[in-house]
Amino acid sequence: MKNDGLSTLYVVATPIGNLDDLSQRAIAVLQQVDKIAAEDTRHSASLLKHYLIKKPMLSLHNFNERERVSAILEALAAGESIALISDAGTPLISDPGYHLVRAVRAAHFKVVPIPGACAAIAALSAAGLPTDKFIFEGFLPAKTEAKRQQLLGLVKEPRTLVFYEAPHRLLPTLQTMVEVFSGEREVVVARELTKLYESILQLPLNDMLAYYEAHPEQCKGEVVIMLAGAKEAATDQAALERILTVLLANLPLKQAASVAAELTGERKNEVYAFALRLKQG
């Protein structure tokens, strides 16, 4: 599909579950481009077959993206147009494509987005959490300590937090969130969006963890976790820092945080996270 004679890279969003979510414009683009770059050609072959689309495909995933860039630039230079798709949803959103898009733009070829499904946006639209401002964190680290450290940096973040998670890591991630954030912090877990067993559950963190511990069979499908942002602290942060500085000089970290929380009325987990950041400098 040519655009005023210029070769073009089309970034095409594909369904996250329900095949009917592929837009008419996306279908037209996929039917007319010269080649399709797909995260997993075998996975995407099913989608293309459903719409009777037969186009040459090449794989472009996290492990070969940099190698594929030169071949795609050569194709564009030869006058071809390429569609970039991921396994599901919008390419580049926790999916491959960043290095390709950057290189294509640097080479002065046109990049055209073909919008459609995105799990993070779909989940937010039905979560009932503030959406005027939010932070998309993508996938958290798999290792517990790295995950804890990343979450500790978000304890005071007032905007809604959005994460992707694999089903087998849902329980460990909720456990770490309970340790880092207050167990009363509101959380929404959206699973299997647009699919037959779609589930959007809204509970305090403690209750959400208890629910999935009691229903491990529900830990299936791709997951979006949305966490309410931190409420404005009742205690001035500078005052809390002064209190903790004195206590940390005389008490172990956990005890200092506990005493500071009792003195200020702040939540223990949040005071502990702040004390940990102070201690680490």
C-alpha atoms as a PDB file:
ATOM      1  CA  MET A   1       0.000   0.000   0.000  1.00  0.00           C
ATOM      2  CA  LYS A   2       1.741   3.154  -1.191  1.00  0.00           C
ATOM      3  CA  ASN A   3       1.202   6.580   0.325  1.00  0.00           C
ATOM      4  CA  ASP A   4       1.665   9.352  -2.274  1.00  0.00           C
ATOM      5  CA  GLY A   5       4.441   7.292  -3.813  1.00  0.00           C
ATOM      6  CA  LEU A   6       6.321   6.989  -0.517  1.00  0.00           C
ATOM      7  CA  SER A   7       7.142   3.657   1.075  1.00  0.00           C
ATOM      8  CA  THR A   8       5.517   3.366   4.495  1.00  0.00           C
ATOM      9  CA  LEU A   9       5.789   1.338   7.681  1.00  0.00           C
ATOM     10  CA  TYR A  10       2.305   0.767   9.083  1.00  0.00           C
ATOM     11  CA  VAL A  11       2.113   0.022  12.806  1.00  0.00           C
ATOM     12  CA  VAL A  12      -1.055  -2.046  12.970  1.00  0.00           C
ATOM     13  CA  ALA A  13      -2.920  -2.889  16.202  1.00  0.00           C
ATOM     14  CA  THR A  14      -4.426  -6.386  16.220  1.00  0.00           C
ATOM     15  CA  PRO A  15      -7.080  -7.947  18.508  1.00  0.00           C
ATOM     16  CA  ILE A  16      -6.174  -8.915  22.058  1.00  0.00           C
ATOM     17  CA  GLY A  17      -8.691 -11.738  21.975  1.00  0.00           C
ATOM     18  CA  ASN A  18     -11.885 -11.081  20.071  1.00  0.00           C
ATOM     19  CA  LEU A  19     -11.105 -11.200  16.343  1.00  0.00           C
ATOM     20  CA  ASP A  20     -13.991  -8.826  15.609  1.00  0.00           C
ATOM     21  CA  ASP A  21     -11.913  -6.026  17.138  1.00  0.00           C
ATOM     22  CA  LEU A  22      -9.688  -5.788  14.056  1.00  0.00           C
ATOM     23  CA  SER A  23     -10.734  -2.560  12.335  1.00  0.00           C
ATOM     24  CA  GLN A  24     -11.759  -2.298   8.691  1.00  0.00           C
ATOM     25  CA  ARG A  25      -8.848   0.052   8.110  1.00  0.00           C
ATOM     26  CA  ALA A  26      -6.406  -2.466   9.607  1.00  0.00           C
ATOM     27  CA  ILE A  27      -7.802  -5.210   7.363  1.00  0.00           C
ATOM     28  CA  ALA A  28      -7.410  -2.986   4.296  1.00  0.00           C
ATOM     29  CA  VAL A  29      -3.815  -2.145   5.178  1.00  0.00           C
ATOM     30  CA  LEU A  30      -2.874  -5.786   5.811  1.00  0.00           C
ATOM     31  CA  GLN A  31      -4.440  -6.749   2.472  1.00  0.00           C
ATOM     32  CA  GLN A  32      -2.482  -4.133   0.529  1.00  0.00           C
ATOM     33  CA  VAL A  33       1.016  -3.969   2.025  1.00  0.00           C
ATOM     34  CA  ASP A  34       3.860  -5.868   0.382  1.00  0.00           C
ATOM     35  CA  LYS A  35       5.040  -7.666   3.534  1.00  0.00           C
ATOM     36  CA  ILE A  36       3.984  -8.186   7.139  1.00  0.00           C
ATOM     37  CA  ALA A  37       6.514  -8.176   9.983  1.00  0.00           C
ATOM     38  CA  ALA A  38       5.041 -10.230  12.838  1.00  0.00           C
ATOM     39  CA  GLU A  39       6.235 -10.981  16.367  1.00  0.00           C
ATOM     40  CA  ASP A  40       5.373 -14.669  15.876  1.00  0.00           C
ATOM     41  CA  THR A  41       4.544 -15.612  12.292  1.00  0.00           C
ATOM     42  CA  ARG A  42       2.833 -18.852  13.320  1.00  0.00           C
ATOM     43  CA  HIS A  43       0.582 -17.049  15.805  1.00  0.00           C
ATOM     44  CA  SER A  44      -0.292 -14.253  13.381  1.00  0.00           C
ATOM     45  CA  ALA A  45      -0.944 -16.725  10.553  1.00  0.00           C
ATOM     46  CA  SER A  46      -4.215 -17.688  12.276  1.00  0.00           C
ATOM     47  CA  LEU A  47      -5.416 -14.072  12.318  1.00  0.00           C
ATOM     48  CA  LEU A  48      -4.482 -13.519   8.677  1.00  0.00           C
ATOM     49  CA  LYS A  49      -6.118 -16.783   7.634  1.00  0.00           C
ATOM     50  CA  HIS A  50      -9.345 -15.711   9.376  1.00  0.00           C
ATOM     51  CA  TYR A  51      -9.452 -12.627   7.156  1.00  0.00           C
ATOM     52  CA  LEU A  52      -8.220 -14.448   4.023  1.00  0.00           C
ATOM     53  CA  ILE A  53      -5.065 -12.330   3.935  1.00  0.00           C
ATOM     54  CA  LYS A  54      -2.119 -13.908   2.127  1.00  0.00           C
ATOM     55  CA  LYS A  55       1.051 -11.874   2.336  1.00  0.00           C
ATOM     56  CA  PRO A  56       4.753 -12.720   2.733  1.00  0.00           C
ATOM     57  CA  MET A  57       5.655 -12.638   6.434  1.00  0.00           C
ATOM     58  CA  LEU A  58       8.892 -12.215   8.328  1.00  0.00           C
ATOM     59  CA  SER A  59       9.442 -12.561  12.057  1.00  0.00           C
ATOM     60  CA  LEU A  60      10.384  -9.553  14.159  1.00  0.00           C
ATOM     61  CA  HIS A  61      10.703 -10.237  17.874  1.00  0.00           C
ATOM     62  CA  ASN A  62      12.822  -9.211  20.857  1.00  0.00           C
ATOM     63  CA  PHE A  63      15.693 -11.466  19.854  1.00  0.00           C
ATOM     64  CA  ASN A  64      16.072 -10.548  16.174  1.00  0.00           C
ATOM     65  CA  GLU A  65      14.665  -7.035  15.851  1.00  0.00           C
ATOM     66  CA  ARG A  66      18.000  -5.269  15.377  1.00  0.00           C
ATOM     67  CA  GLU A  67      18.986  -7.794  12.688  1.00  0.00           C
ATOM     68  CA  ARG A  68      15.692  -7.308  10.837  1.00  0.00           C
ATOM     69  CA  VAL A  69      15.963  -3.528  10.681  1.00  0.00           C
ATOM     70  CA  SER A  70      18.373  -3.440   7.737  1.00  0.00           C
ATOM     71  CA  ALA A  71      16.266  -5.855   5.672  1.00  0.00           C
ATOM     72  CA  ILE A  72      13.113  -3.811   6.257  1.00  0.00           C
ATOM     73  CA  LEU A  73      14.909  -0.563   5.410  1.00  0.00           C
ATOM     74  CA  GLU A  74      16.092  -2.168   2.163  1.00  0.00           C
ATOM     75  CA  ALA A  75      12.518  -3.203   1.354  1.00  0.00           C
ATOM     76  CA  LEU A  76      11.244   0.304   2.011  1.00  0.00           C
ATOM     77  CA  ALA A  77      14.027   1.782  -0.119  1.00  0.00           C
ATOM     78  CA  ALA A  78      12.939  -0.557  -2.922  1.00  0.00           C
ATOM     79  CA  GLY A  79       9.461   0.947  -2.821  1.00  0.00           C
ATOM     80  CA  GLU A  80       7.721  -1.653  -0.683  1.00  0.00           C
ATOM     81  CA  SER A  81       5.401  -0.948   2.228  1.00  0.00           C
ATOM     82  CA  ILE A  82       5.466  -3.019   5.421  1.00  0.00           C
ATOM     83  CA  ALA A  83       2.927  -3.678   8.173  1.00  0.00           C
ATOM     84  CA  LEU A  84       4.249  -4.291  11.679  1.00  0.00           C
ATOM     85  CA  ILE A  85       2.041  -6.391  13.970  1.00  0.00           C
ATOM     86  CA  SER A  86       2.572  -8.026  17.362  1.00  0.00           C
ATOM     87  CA  ASP A  87       0.950 -11.160  18.767  1.00  0.00           C
ATOM     88  CA  ALA A  88      -1.877  -9.065  20.212  1.00  0.00           C
ATOM     89  CA  GLY A  89      -2.686  -5.429  20.750  1.00  0.00           C
ATOM     90  CA  THR A  90      -0.668  -2.385  19.691  1.00  0.00           C
ATOM     91  CA  PRO A  91       2.967  -2.960  18.654  1.00  0.00           C
ATOM     92  CA  LEU A  92       5.683  -1.339  20.814  1.00  0.00           C
ATOM     93  CA  ILE A  93       3.455  -1.290  23.925  1.00  0.00           C
ATOM     94  CA  SER A  94       5.468  -3.872  25.893  1.00  0.00           C
ATOM     95  CA  ASP A  95       6.074  -5.497  22.507  1.00  0.00           C
ATOM     96  CA  PRO A  96       8.868  -5.336  19.901  1.00  0.00           C
ATOM     97  CA  GLY A  97       9.151  -2.534  17.351  1.00  0.00           C
ATOM     98  CA  TYR A  98      10.888   0.403  19.038  1.00  0.00           C
ATOM     99  CA  HIS A  99      14.251  -0.077  17.297  1.00  0.00           C
ATOM    100  CA  LEU A 100      12.543  -0.587  13.938  1.00  0.00           C
ATOM    101  CA  VAL A 101      10.303   2.477  14.173  1.00  0.00           C
ATOM    102  CA  ARG A 102      13.214   4.641  15.307  1.00  0.00           C
ATOM    103  CA  ALA A 103      15.400   3.440  12.425  1.00  0.00           C
ATOM    104  CA  VAL A 104      12.622   3.891   9.856  1.00  0.00           C
ATOM    105  CA  ARG A 105      11.956   7.435  11.002  1.00  0.00           C
ATOM    106  CA  ALA A 106      15.685   8.200  11.013  1.00  0.00           C
ATOM    107  CA  ALA A 107      15.813   7.015   7.387  1.00  0.00           C
ATOM    108  CA  HIS A 108      12.975   9.460   6.594  1.00  0.00           C
ATOM    109  CA  PHE A 109      10.389   6.885   5.609  1.00  0.00           C
ATOM    110  CA  LYS A 110       6.830   7.458   6.749  1.00  0.00           C
ATOM    111  CA  VAL A 111       5.482   5.651   9.829  1.00  0.00           C
ATOM    112  CA  VAL A 112       1.675   5.464  10.035  1.00  0.00           C
ATOM    113  CA  PRO A 113      -0.186   4.151  13.117  1.00  0.00           C
ATOM    114  CA  ILE A 114      -3.306   2.064  12.510  1.00  0.00           C
ATOM    115  CA  PRO A 115      -4.942   2.229  15.961  1.00  0.00           C
ATOM    116  CA  GLY A 116      -6.926  -0.504  17.636  1.00  0.00           C
ATOM    117  CA  ALA A 117      -6.902  -2.719  20.699  1.00  0.00           C
ATOM    118  CA  CYS A 118      -4.511  -2.086  23.601  1.00  0.00           C
ATOM    119  CA  ALA A 119      -4.932  -4.131  26.793  1.00  0.00           C
ATOM    120  CA  ALA A 120      -3.786  -1.315  29.103  1.00  0.00           C
ATOM    121  CA  ILE A 121      -6.241   1.228  27.696  1.00  0.00           C
ATOM    122  CA  ALA A 122      -9.105  -1.279  27.482  1.00  0.00           C
ATOM    123  CA  ALA A 123      -8.548  -2.267  31.124  1.00  0.00           C
ATOM    124  CA  LEU A 124      -8.335   1.340  32.318  1.00  0.00           C
ATOM    125  CA  SER A 125     -11.565   2.246  30.548  1.00  0.00           C
ATOM    126  CA  ALA A 126     -13.481  -0.286  32.672  1.00  0.00           C
ATOM    127  CA  ALA A 127     -11.512  -0.165  35.933  1.00  0.00           C
ATOM    128  CA  GLY A 128     -13.229   2.712  37.696  1.00  0.00           C
ATOM    129  CA  LEU A 129      -9.886   4.243  38.718  1.00  0.00           C
ATOM    130  CA  PRO A 130      -8.746   7.783  37.844  1.00  0.00           C
ATOM    131  CA  THR A 131      -7.646   7.915  34.197  1.00  0.00           C
ATOM    132  CA  ASP A 132      -6.911  11.619  33.756  1.00  0.00           C
ATOM    133  CA  LYS A 133      -3.332  10.786  34.744  1.00  0.00           C
ATOM    134  CA  PHE A 134      -1.736   7.353  34.913  1.00  0.00           C
ATOM    135  CA  ILE A 135       1.638   5.610  34.619  1.00  0.00           C
ATOM    136  CA  PHE A 136       2.166   2.543  32.455  1.00  0.00           C
ATOM    137  CA  GLU A 137       4.972   0.414  33.941  1.00  0.00           C
ATOM    138  CA  GLY A 138       4.667  -2.572  31.603  1.00  0.00           C
ATOM    139  CA  PHE A 139       5.950  -5.878  32.981  1.00  0.00           C
ATOM    140  CA  LEU A 140       7.602  -5.874  36.409  1.00  0.00           C
ATOM    141  CA  PRO A 141      10.882  -7.769  36.898  1.00  0.00           C
ATOM    142  CA  ALA A 142      10.448 -11.502  37.434  1.00  0.00           C
ATOM    143  CA  LYS A 143      12.859 -11.641  40.391  1.00  0.00           C
ATOM    144  CA  THR A 144      11.259 -10.717  43.701  1.00  0.00           C
ATOM    145  CA  GLU A 145      13.887  -8.276  44.975  1.00  0.00           C
ATOM    146  CA  ALA A 146      14.107  -6.359  41.690  1.00  0.00           C
ATOM    147  CA  LYS A 147      10.316  -6.227  41.624  1.00  0.00           C
ATOM    148  CA  ARG A 148      10.205  -4.936  45.207  1.00  0.00           C
ATOM    149  CA  GLN A 149      12.735  -2.205  44.458  1.00  0.00           C
ATOM    150  CA  GLN A 150      10.780  -0.986  41.435  1.00  0.00           C
ATOM    151  CA  LEU A 151       7.547  -0.906  43.433  1.00  0.00           C
ATOM    152  CA  LEU A 152       9.215   0.899  46.341  1.00  0.00           C
ATOM    153  CA  GLY A 153       9.979   3.731  43.950  1.00  0.00           C
ATOM    154  CA  LEU A 154       6.256   4.056  43.221  1.00  0.00           C
ATOM    155  CA  VAL A 155       4.871   4.058  46.769  1.00  0.00           C
ATOM    156  CA  LYS A 156       4.234   7.820  46.816  1.00  0.00           C
ATOM    157  CA  GLU A 157       3.143   8.063  43.172  1.00  0.00           C
ATOM    158  CA  PRO A 158      -0.311   9.740  43.137  1.00  0.00           C
ATOM    159  CA  ARG A 159      -1.256   8.649  39.609  1.00  0.00           C
ATOM    160  CA  THR A 160      -2.948   5.347  38.766  1.00  0.00           C
ATOM    161  CA  LEU A 161      -0.336   2.622  38.193  1.00  0.00           C
ATOM    162  CA  VAL A 162      -0.768   0.159  35.323  1.00  0.00           C
ATOM    163  CA  PHE A 163       1.173  -3.098  34.977  1.00  0.00           C
ATOM    164  CA  TYR A 164       1.134  -6.108  32.671  1.00  0.00           C
ATOM    165  CA  GLU A 165       1.721  -9.501  34.273  1.00  0.00           C
ATOM    166  CA  ALA A 166       1.994 -13.109  33.194  1.00  0.00           C
ATOM    167  CA  PRO A 167      -0.601 -15.436  34.784  1.00  0.00           C
ATOM    168  CA  HIS A 168       1.975 -17.594  36.589  1.00  0.00           C
ATOM    169  CA  ARG A 169       3.402 -14.471  38.275  1.00  0.00           C
ATOM    170  CA  LEU A 170       0.086 -12.927  39.336  1.00  0.00           C
ATOM    171  CA  LEU A 171       0.135 -14.320  42.891  1.00  0.00           C
ATOM    172  CA  PRO A 172       3.814 -13.496  43.628  1.00  0.00           C
ATOM    173  CA  THR A 173       3.301  -9.980  42.281  1.00  0.00           C
ATOM    174  CA  LEU A 174       0.211  -9.371  44.428  1.00  0.00           C
ATOM    175  CA  GLN A 175       2.135 -10.690  47.458  1.00  0.00           C
ATOM    176  CA  THR A 176       4.960  -8.226  46.820  1.00  0.00           C
ATOM    177  CA  MET A 177       2.493  -5.383  46.312  1.00  0.00           C
ATOM    178  CA  VAL A 178       0.865  -6.129  49.674  1.00  0.00           C
ATOM    179  CA  GLU A 179       4.322  -5.991  51.299  1.00  0.00           C
ATOM    180  CA  VAL A 180       5.249  -2.688  49.644  1.00  0.00           C
ATOM    181  CA  PHE A 181       1.908  -0.830  49.533  1.00  0.00           C
ATOM    182  CA  SER A 182      -0.841  -0.692  52.101  1.00  0.00           C
ATOM    183  CA  GLY A 183      -3.056  -3.755  52.017  1.00  0.00           C
ATOM    184  CA  GLU A 184      -6.000  -1.356  51.826  1.00  0.00           C
ATOM    185  CA  ARG A 185      -4.775   0.185  48.556  1.00  0.00           C
ATOM    186  CA  GLU A 186      -7.433  -0.329  45.874  1.00  0.00           C
ATOM    187  CA  VAL A 187      -6.434  -2.608  42.995  1.00  0.00           C
ATOM    188  CA  VAL A 188      -8.185  -3.809  39.839  1.00  0.00           C
ATOM    189  CA  VAL A 189      -7.123  -6.999  38.073  1.00  0.00           C
ATOM    190  CA  ALA A 190      -8.336  -7.454  34.488  1.00  0.00           C
ATOM    191  CA  ARG A 191      -7.835 -10.847  32.847  1.00  0.00           C
ATOM    192  CA  GLU A 192      -8.662 -12.357  29.476  1.00  0.00           C
ATOM    193  CA  LEU A 193      -9.945  -9.035  28.127  1.00  0.00           C
ATOM    194  CA  THR A 194     -12.361  -9.380  25.175  1.00  0.00           C
ATOM    195  CA  LYS A 195     -12.312 -13.185  25.537  1.00  0.00           C
ATOM    196  CA  LEU A 196     -14.959 -15.645  26.700  1.00  0.00           C
ATOM    197  CA  TYR A 197     -13.808 -15.682  30.347  1.00  0.00           C
ATOM    198  CA  GLU A 198     -13.081 -11.971  30.687  1.00  0.00           C
ATOM    199  CA  SER A 199     -12.794 -10.903  34.328  1.00  0.00           C
ATOM    200  CA  ILE A 200     -12.400  -7.441  35.889  1.00  0.00           C
ATOM    201  CA  LEU A 201     -12.177  -7.601  39.683  1.00  0.00           C
ATOM    202  CA  GLN A 202     -11.869  -4.595  42.013  1.00  0.00           C
ATOM    203  CA  LEU A 203     -10.809  -5.099  45.663  1.00  0.00           C
ATOM    204  CA  PRO A 204      -8.377  -3.843  48.333  1.00  0.00           C
ATOM    205  CA  LEU A 205      -4.934  -5.415  47.810  1.00  0.00           C
ATOM    206  CA  ASN A 206      -5.243  -7.738  50.826  1.00  0.00           C
ATOM    207  CA  ASP A 207      -8.586  -9.065  49.614  1.00  0.00           C
ATOM    208  CA  MET A 208      -7.362  -9.435  46.032  1.00  0.00           C
ATOM    209  CA  LEU A 209      -4.429 -11.542  47.192  1.00  0.00           C
ATOM    210  CA  ALA A 210      -6.748 -13.671  49.351  1.00  0.00           C
ATOM    211  CA  TYR A 211      -9.114 -14.165  46.413  1.00  0.00           C
ATOM    212  CA  TYR A 212      -6.456 -15.480  44.042  1.00  0.00           C
ATOM    213  CA  GLU A 213      -4.890 -17.613  46.774  1.00  0.00           C
ATOM    214  CA  ALA A 214      -8.311 -19.221  47.237  1.00  0.00           C
ATOM    215  CA  HIS A 215      -8.932 -19.482  43.472  1.00  0.00           C
ATOM    216  CA  PRO A 216      -5.612 -20.431  41.827  1.00  0.00           C
ATOM    217  CA  GLU A 217      -7.560 -21.771  38.846  1.00  0.00           C
ATOM    218  CA  GLN A 218      -8.368 -18.131  38.027  1.00  0.00           C
ATOM    219  CA  CYS A 219      -4.678 -17.291  37.530  1.00  0.00           C
ATOM    220  CA  LYS A 220      -4.929 -17.739  33.774  1.00  0.00           C
ATOM    221  CA  GLY A 221      -4.671 -15.543  30.714  1.00  0.00           C
ATOM    222  CA  GLU A 222      -2.885 -12.268  30.180  1.00  0.00           C
ATOM    223  CA  VAL A 223      -3.292  -9.884  33.103  1.00  0.00           C
ATOM    224  CA  VAL A 224      -3.490  -6.114  33.583  1.00  0.00           C
ATOM    225  CA  ILE A 225      -3.024  -4.914  37.177  1.00  0.00           C
ATOM    226  CA  MET A 226      -4.145  -1.365  37.987  1.00  0.00           C
ATOM    227  CA  LEU A 227      -3.318   0.149  41.350  1.00  0.00           C
ATOM    228  CA  ALA A 228      -4.861   3.307  42.788  1.00  0.00           C
ATOM    229  CA  GLY A 229      -2.372   6.114  43.253  1.00  0.00           C
ATOM    230  CA  ALA A 230      -1.159   7.184  46.677  1.00  0.00           C
ATOM    231  CA  LYS A 231      -3.348   9.609  48.588  1.00  0.00           C
ATOM    232  CA  GLU A 232      -1.855  12.885  49.703  1.00  0.00           C
ATOM    233  CA  ALA A 233       0.140  12.303  52.867  1.00  0.00           C
ATOM    234  CA  ALA A 234      -1.377  13.714  56.020  1.00  0.00           C
ATOM    235  CA  THR A 235       2.083  14.343  57.460  1.00  0.00           C
ATOM    236  CA  ASP A 236       4.460  16.809  55.872  1.00  0.00           C
ATOM    237  CA  GLN A 237       7.180  14.746  54.187  1.00  0.00           C
ATOM    238  CA  ALA A 238       9.940  16.962  55.525  1.00  0.00           C
ATOM    239  CA  ALA A 239       8.629  16.402  59.073  1.00  0.00           C
ATOM    240  CA  LEU A 240       8.451  12.647  58.530  1.00  0.00           C
ATOM    241  CA  GLU A 241      12.003  12.694  57.221  1.00  0.00           C
ATOM    242  CA  ARG A 242      13.218  14.506  60.334  1.00  0.00           C
ATOM    243  CA  ILE A 243      11.468  11.977  62.585  1.00  0.00           C
ATOM    244  CA  LEU A 244      12.878   9.003  60.685  1.00  0.00           C
ATOM    245  CA  THR A 245      16.394  10.471  60.602  1.00  0.00           C
ATOM    246  CA  VAL A 246      16.431  10.592  64.407  1.00  0.00           C
ATOM    247  CA  LEU A 247      14.883   7.150  64.800  1.00  0.00           C
ATOM    248  CA  LEU A 248      17.129   5.483  62.210  1.00  0.00           C
ATOM    249  CA  ALA A 249      20.163   6.761  64.067  1.00  0.00           C
ATOM    250  CA  ASN A 250      19.071   4.815  67.147  1.00  0.00           C
ATOM    251  CA  LEU A 251      16.848   1.941  65.995  1.00  0.00           C
ATOM    252  CA  PRO A 252      16.802  -0.823  63.374  1.00  0.00           C
ATOM    253  CA  LEU A 253      14.984   0.046  60.157  1.00  0.00           C
ATOM    254  CA  LYS A 254      11.786  -1.927  60.812  1.00  0.00           C
ATOM    255  CA  GLN A 255      11.437  -0.659  64.370  1.00  0.00           C
ATOM    256  CA  ALA A 256      12.146   2.936  63.365  1.00  0.00           C
ATOM    257  CA  ALA A 257       9.472   2.768  60.670  1.00  0.00           C
ATOM    258  CA  SER A 258       6.966   1.256  63.089  1.00  0.00           C
ATOM    259  CA  VAL A 259       7.544   3.984  65.692  1.00  0.00           C
ATOM    260  CA  ALA A 260       7.356   6.732  63.043  1.00  0.00           C
ATOM    261  CA  ALA A 261       4.069   5.324  61.716  1.00  0.00           C
ATOM    262  CA  GLU A 262       2.636   5.273  65.240  1.00  0.00           C
ATOM    263  CA  LEU A 263       3.736   8.852  65.883  1.00  0.00           C
ATOM    264  CA  THR A 264       2.426  10.263  62.611  1.00  0.00           C
ATOM    265  CA  GLY A 265      -0.577   8.057  61.887  1.00  0.00           C
ATOM    266  CA  GLU A 266       0.855   7.204  58.466  1.00  0.00           C
ATOM    267  CA  ARG A 267       0.539   3.699  57.008  1.00  0.00           C
ATOM    268  CA  LYS A 268       3.299   1.385  58.169  1.00  0.00           C
ATOM    269  CA  ASN A 269       4.148  -0.006  54.720  1.00  0.00           C
ATOM    270  CA  GLU A 270       4.491   3.474  53.230  1.00  0.00           C
ATOM    271  CA  VAL A 271       6.595   4.734  56.150  1.00  0.00           C
ATOM    272  CA  TYR A 272       8.792   1.624  55.865  1.00  0.00           C
ATOM    273  CA  ALA A 273       9.290   2.239  52.135  1.00  0.00           C
ATOM    274  CA  PHE A 274      10.219   5.891  52.816  1.00  0.00           C
ATOM    275  CA  ALA A 275      12.590   4.853  55.632  1.00  0.00           C
ATOM    276  CA  LEU A 276      14.237   2.326  53.337  1.00  0.00           C
ATOM    277  CA  ARG A 277      14.860   5.000  50.705  1.00  0.00           C
ATOM    278  CA  LEU A 278      16.362   7.295  53.365  1.00  0.00           C
ATOM    279  CA  LYS A 279      18.636   4.539  54.647  1.00  0.00           C
ATOM    280  CA  GLN A 280      19.807   3.751  51.099  1.00  0.00           C
ATOM    281  CA  GLY A 281      20.601   7.385  50.564  1.00  0.00           C
END
